Every structure is written in structure tokens, then in C-alpha cells.
Amino acid sequence: MRPFSTNYFPLAWPFTLVLFFIFILVVTLIELHVLKHVYQRIGIPPRYVLAVLLGTLLGSAVNLPVAELRPEAMVTEKVVNFFGMRYVVPVVEQWPRTVIAVNVGGAIIPVVVSIYLLVKNKLYVRGLIAVAIVTFVVHELAYPVRGIGISVPTLVPPIVAAVAAMILAWRDAPPLAYIAGCLGTLIGADLLNLDKIQGLGAPIASIGGAGTFDGIFLTGIFAVLLSPFAVAKPEELSAEPKGDESP
């Protein structure tokens, strides 16, 4: 059998470039101080926040194999369309097995950062509730896709995580959104559907990779964008700042 590389970007290039553009836009907004209080609300210095997002994006090309499923017929298309997104299918020759892998950018980095934020912000109970909410919604909407594995609509994880976080912990919404969106997606879409991988003809079924990575990456973006709004309480957002009234 001829081996194939497990390292490749999970999204087709036009979509990968869009994510890079979004990353550059967020970097610009932070550097221009348009997005303020990112450090205070997320709990990670701004430059480390950017490093996490960049590491997530670049790390999406790295899959660490952990297991193999029994032989089956493989899907040979180079890309697979699902819910408006185009996911890359690695081209294989004489490799009739599905490799179960863990994606560095879509699983390992988000899990490590989520655990750090969970402990640092002491969001144990609210974190558990938020993760459970995202897990339930994502699991209900996750769909087996031939050639890819399990996929979920891109905007579902970040939106559900952001809404749950703002309801459960307004001032801690950014870190809670990141925790819930990342862990909830990995659990609800990938881990709870491992039994559905066999028979999909996917050369690589990557946990946090194709099918879920885009949602996880955008969860990090949404967490950053929530930072300015999480500084004040809801009723304070509409209040005009008072200037110096002295003559």
C-alpha cells in the first residue's frame, strides 16, 4: 500500500483564504485599539490571543493519527460540498482504510486553551452548562458526510456559544463562548459520532478537522468580538459616557 499525507488544510483554498482574511482583520482591529479590553475579558494577553488564532489556523493542516478503521471503499473526489462549504478530501491510492486523527489546530490547541480559560476564570458550573448546551445543539445538527466524516453548519457553534455565554455570564462571555464553542463542537459533532465514521469512505476522519474546524475557528473570532461588549453590563451599553462637567 502507498501511504498518503495526513497533513493538509481541511478547507478548499478560497475558504481558507477567507479565514486568513478574517484573522488579519481581527489583528488590525486589535492593533488599532478598536477592539478594546480583549485581555481583561478573555484573560489572555492580546498578542497571545492572536497567536492562538494563528496557531489554530495553521495547525488545521496537521493531523495526528491515533487509530485506523477496517478497510472499505474510499471516496475519491478532491473536494466535498456541505452547507455551502468545500472540504478537502486527501487523494489516496491503494489505501482502503479510514484513519482516525486528531487535528492540532481544531482540537489540541482549542482544548488546551479552553481548559486554561476554564480554570483561570473559574467558570466550572457555567462552563459545564454552556458546553452541554452547545454539545446538544451541535449533536442534533451534525451530519455524516461521505468522504469527510461528521460535519456541522459553520455558524452554528459560534452563534450558539455566544448566545449561551451572554445569557450565563455576561461579563465573562468571551472566555465562556470560546470554551463552550470549542468543547461543545468537539464533543457534540466528533466524539459522540465516532460510531458513524465507518462506512463514510473518508480517508481521514479528523477530530476538529474537516467538517468542524471552520466552526471552531470562528468561535475564537466571536469570542474576541464579544470582548468590548462584555466590559459593561447590558444596561450600561446604552448609557452615554459622561464627560468632565467642570467649567
Protein backbone atom coordinates (compact mmCIF):
# COMPACT_ATOMS: atom_id res chain seq x y z
CA MET A 1 0.00 0.00 0.00
CA ARG A 2 1.16 3.53 -0.70
CA PRO A 3 0.83 5.88 2.28
CA PHE A 4 -0.63 9.35 1.92
CA SER A 5 -0.01 12.53 3.86
CA THR A 6 -2.33 13.22 6.77
CA ASN A 7 -1.33 16.89 6.69
CA TYR A 8 -3.44 19.25 4.57
CA PHE A 9 -5.72 22.24 5.07
CA PRO A 10 -9.28 20.95 5.65
CA LEU A 11 -10.96 23.69 3.63
CA ALA A 12 -10.62 24.42 -0.07
CA TRP A 13 -8.30 27.34 -0.73
CA PRO A 14 -10.95 30.04 -1.31
CA PHE A 15 -12.44 29.31 2.13
CA THR A 16 -9.03 29.06 3.79
CA LEU A 17 -8.13 32.46 2.37
CA VAL A 18 -11.37 33.90 3.77
CA LEU A 19 -10.40 32.67 7.25
CA PHE A 20 -6.94 34.22 6.84
CA PHE A 21 -8.59 37.50 5.82
CA ILE A 22 -10.83 37.39 8.89
CA PHE A 23 -7.77 36.76 11.07
CA ILE A 24 -5.90 39.72 9.55
CA LEU A 25 -8.97 41.93 10.06
CA VAL A 26 -9.16 41.00 13.75
CA VAL A 27 -5.41 41.64 14.16
CA THR A 28 -5.87 45.07 12.62
CA LEU A 29 -8.83 45.92 14.87
CA ILE A 30 -6.89 44.91 17.98
CA GLU A 31 -3.72 46.76 16.97
CA LEU A 32 -5.74 49.90 16.23
CA HIS A 33 -7.43 49.52 19.64
CA VAL A 34 -10.84 49.33 18.01
CA LEU A 35 -11.37 46.11 19.95
CA LYS A 36 -10.55 47.12 23.50
CA HIS A 37 -10.26 45.15 26.73
CA VAL A 38 -9.52 41.87 24.93
CA TYR A 39 -7.03 40.89 27.62
CA GLN A 40 -9.26 41.83 30.54
CA ARG A 41 -12.28 39.95 29.30
CA ILE A 42 -10.73 36.86 27.72
CA GLY A 43 -7.91 36.51 30.22
CA ILE A 44 -5.13 36.12 27.65
CA PRO A 45 -2.82 38.97 26.57
CA PRO A 46 -3.86 40.27 23.12
CA ARG A 47 -0.73 39.05 21.36
CA TYR A 48 -1.26 35.57 22.79
CA VAL A 49 -4.88 35.71 21.65
CA LEU A 50 -3.61 36.38 18.14
CA ALA A 51 -1.05 33.60 18.50
CA VAL A 52 -3.83 31.19 19.49
CA LEU A 53 -5.94 32.17 16.48
CA LEU A 54 -2.98 31.94 14.10
CA GLY A 55 -1.88 28.63 15.62
CA THR A 56 -5.43 27.33 15.23
CA LEU A 57 -5.49 28.36 11.58
CA LEU A 58 -2.06 26.99 10.65
CA GLY A 59 -2.43 23.95 12.90
CA SER A 60 -5.53 22.90 10.99
CA ALA A 61 -3.17 21.46 8.37
CA VAL A 62 -1.69 18.98 10.87
CA ASN A 63 -3.48 15.73 11.75
CA LEU A 64 -2.06 13.28 14.27
CA PRO A 65 -3.22 9.70 13.50
CA VAL A 66 -4.48 7.79 16.54
CA ALA A 67 -6.33 4.77 15.07
CA GLU A 68 -7.49 3.01 11.90
CA LEU A 69 -10.83 1.52 10.96
CA ARG A 70 -11.26 -1.64 8.93
CA PRO A 71 -10.93 -1.48 5.12
CA GLU A 72 -13.74 -0.04 2.98
CA ALA A 73 -14.20 1.75 -0.33
CA MET A 74 -12.82 5.30 -0.23
CA VAL A 75 -14.35 8.46 -1.68
CA THR A 76 -12.05 9.72 -4.45
CA GLU A 77 -13.34 13.27 -5.01
CA LYS A 78 -10.83 16.02 -4.21
CA VAL A 79 -13.42 18.24 -2.52
CA VAL A 80 -16.82 17.62 -0.94
CA ASN A 81 -19.51 20.30 -0.63
CA PHE A 82 -21.59 20.62 2.54
CA PHE A 83 -23.78 23.52 3.61
CA GLY A 84 -22.02 26.00 1.34
CA MET A 85 -18.51 24.96 2.41
CA ARG A 86 -15.99 22.95 0.36
CA TYR A 87 -13.90 20.46 2.32
CA VAL A 88 -10.74 18.85 1.01
CA VAL A 89 -10.55 15.07 0.66
CA PRO A 90 -6.95 13.78 0.54
CA VAL A 91 -6.18 11.88 -2.66
CA VAL A 92 -5.26 8.28 -1.85
CA GLU A 93 -4.05 5.31 -3.82
CA GLN A 94 -4.43 1.75 -2.59
CA TRP A 95 -5.34 2.82 0.95
CA PRO A 96 -8.75 1.31 1.74
CA ARG A 97 -8.78 2.37 5.40
CA THR A 98 -10.13 5.29 7.40
CA VAL A 99 -7.54 6.92 9.63
CA ILE A 100 -8.88 8.46 12.84
CA ALA A 101 -6.77 11.53 13.60
CA VAL A 102 -6.71 14.49 15.98
CA ASN A 103 -6.33 17.90 14.36
CA VAL A 104 -3.77 20.17 16.03
CA GLY A 105 -5.46 23.47 15.18
CA GLY A 106 -9.04 22.31 15.54
CA ALA A 107 -8.74 20.08 18.61
CA ILE A 108 -5.47 20.12 20.56
CA ILE A 109 -4.95 23.90 20.73
CA PRO A 110 -8.64 24.70 21.47
CA VAL A 111 -8.84 22.04 24.20
CA VAL A 112 -5.66 23.28 25.93
CA VAL A 113 -6.79 26.92 25.75
CA SER A 114 -10.32 26.01 26.91
CA ILE A 115 -9.01 24.19 29.98
CA TYR A 116 -6.75 27.14 30.78
CA LEU A 117 -9.63 29.64 30.47
CA LEU A 118 -11.95 27.39 32.46
CA VAL A 119 -9.54 27.24 35.40
CA LYS A 120 -8.33 30.83 35.19
CA ASN A 121 -11.84 32.30 35.11
CA LYS A 122 -13.32 29.68 37.49
CA LEU A 123 -16.20 29.01 35.11
CA TYR A 124 -16.72 25.42 36.22
CA VAL A 125 -20.51 25.31 36.65
CA ARG A 126 -21.41 27.82 33.95
CA GLY A 127 -18.81 26.25 31.69
CA LEU A 128 -20.39 22.83 32.13
CA ILE A 129 -23.85 24.23 31.36
CA ALA A 130 -22.68 26.18 28.30
CA VAL A 131 -20.72 23.22 26.93
CA ALA A 132 -23.77 20.99 27.43
CA ILE A 133 -25.98 23.45 25.51
CA VAL A 134 -23.60 23.68 22.55
CA THR A 135 -23.00 19.93 22.61
CA PHE A 136 -26.73 19.23 22.40
CA VAL A 137 -27.41 21.70 19.57
CA VAL A 138 -24.35 20.67 17.56
CA HIS A 139 -25.08 16.98 18.01
CA GLU A 140 -28.62 17.48 16.74
CA LEU A 141 -27.39 19.31 13.64
CA ALA A 142 -24.26 17.25 12.94
CA TYR A 143 -24.47 15.27 9.73
CA PRO A 144 -22.38 12.38 8.37
CA VAL A 145 -20.82 13.39 5.04
CA ARG A 146 -19.25 10.82 2.74
CA GLY A 147 -15.55 11.39 2.24
CA ILE A 148 -15.27 13.81 5.16
CA GLY A 149 -16.78 12.35 8.31
CA ILE A 150 -19.03 14.42 10.54
CA SER A 151 -19.89 18.00 9.56
CA VAL A 152 -21.90 20.76 11.17
CA PRO A 153 -23.12 24.09 9.67
CA THR A 154 -20.28 26.57 10.08
CA LEU A 155 -22.01 29.35 12.01
CA VAL A 156 -23.93 27.12 14.44
CA PRO A 157 -21.15 26.59 17.04
CA PRO A 158 -20.03 30.24 17.36
CA ILE A 159 -23.55 31.67 17.42
CA VAL A 160 -24.95 29.17 19.93
CA ALA A 161 -21.85 29.51 22.11
CA ALA A 162 -22.00 33.32 22.05
CA VAL A 163 -25.70 33.42 22.94
CA ALA A 164 -25.31 30.86 25.74
CA ALA A 165 -22.28 32.70 27.13
CA MET A 166 -24.01 36.09 27.16
CA ILE A 167 -27.00 34.62 28.98
CA LEU A 168 -25.00 32.66 31.54
CA ALA A 169 -22.15 35.09 32.23
CA TRP A 170 -22.29 38.49 30.60
CA ARG A 171 -19.01 39.83 31.92
CA ASP A 172 -17.25 36.51 31.27
CA ALA A 173 -18.95 35.91 27.95
CA PRO A 174 -15.75 35.93 25.78
CA PRO A 175 -13.89 33.10 27.57
CA LEU A 176 -17.11 31.18 28.17
CA ALA A 177 -18.06 31.44 24.49
CA TYR A 178 -14.67 30.09 23.48
CA ILE A 179 -14.85 27.21 25.96
CA ALA A 180 -18.41 26.25 25.05
CA GLY A 181 -17.98 26.63 21.31
CA CYS A 182 -14.78 24.61 21.09
CA LEU A 183 -15.51 21.83 23.57
CA GLY A 184 -19.20 21.62 22.65
CA THR A 185 -18.37 21.24 18.95
CA LEU A 186 -15.69 18.61 19.51
CA ILE A 187 -17.93 16.59 21.81
CA GLY A 188 -21.24 17.05 20.01
CA ALA A 189 -20.03 16.67 16.44
CA ASP A 190 -16.94 14.47 16.59
CA LEU A 191 -16.70 12.42 19.78
CA LEU A 192 -20.38 11.49 20.03
CA ASN A 193 -20.46 10.46 16.38
CA LEU A 194 -17.34 8.31 16.18
CA ASP A 195 -19.57 5.27 15.71
CA LYS A 196 -20.88 6.78 12.45
CA ILE A 197 -17.49 7.17 10.77
CA GLN A 198 -17.29 3.61 9.49
CA GLY A 199 -18.89 3.37 6.06
CA LEU A 200 -18.45 7.03 5.07
CA GLY A 201 -15.45 6.29 2.86
CA ALA A 202 -13.37 9.03 4.48
CA PRO A 203 -9.61 8.52 4.07
CA ILE A 204 -9.10 10.63 7.20
CA ALA A 205 -11.72 11.33 9.87
CA SER A 206 -10.10 14.17 11.78
CA ILE A 207 -11.40 15.24 15.20
CA GLY A 208 -11.52 19.02 14.93
CA GLY A 209 -10.60 18.86 11.25
CA ALA A 210 -12.70 18.96 8.09
CA GLY A 211 -16.37 19.38 8.91
CA THR A 212 -15.90 21.11 12.26
CA PHE A 213 -12.71 23.19 12.05
CA ASP A 214 -14.32 26.24 10.45
CA GLY A 215 -16.91 26.47 13.22
CA ILE A 216 -14.22 26.11 15.90
CA PHE A 217 -12.02 28.80 14.34
CA LEU A 218 -14.94 31.22 14.06
CA THR A 219 -15.77 30.52 17.71
CA GLY A 220 -12.42 32.06 18.63
CA ILE A 221 -13.18 35.06 16.42
CA PHE A 222 -16.60 35.52 18.02
CA ALA A 223 -15.03 35.35 21.49
CA VAL A 224 -12.69 38.21 20.58
CA LEU A 225 -15.51 40.25 19.09
CA LEU A 226 -17.55 39.85 22.28
CA SER A 227 -14.80 41.45 24.37
CA PRO A 228 -15.83 45.13 24.05
CA PHE A 229 -19.44 44.33 24.94
CA ALA A 230 -18.58 42.20 27.97
CA VAL A 231 -16.88 45.05 29.81
CA ALA A 232 -20.11 46.71 30.79
CA LYS A 233 -23.42 45.33 31.99
CA PRO A 234 -26.23 45.28 29.42
CA GLU A 235 -27.90 48.39 30.82
CA GLU A 236 -24.61 50.27 30.65
CA LEU A 237 -24.16 49.74 26.93
CA SER A 238 -26.80 52.31 26.00
CA ALA A 239 -25.65 54.87 28.52
CA GLU A 240 -23.66 57.78 27.12
CA PRO A 241 -20.28 58.32 28.78
CA LYS A 242 -20.28 61.45 30.92
CA GLY A 243 -17.61 63.94 30.17
CA ASP A 244 -15.91 66.40 32.51
CA GLU A 245 -18.69 68.73 33.59
CA SER A 246 -16.36 71.22 35.26
CA PRO A 247 -16.12 74.59 33.51
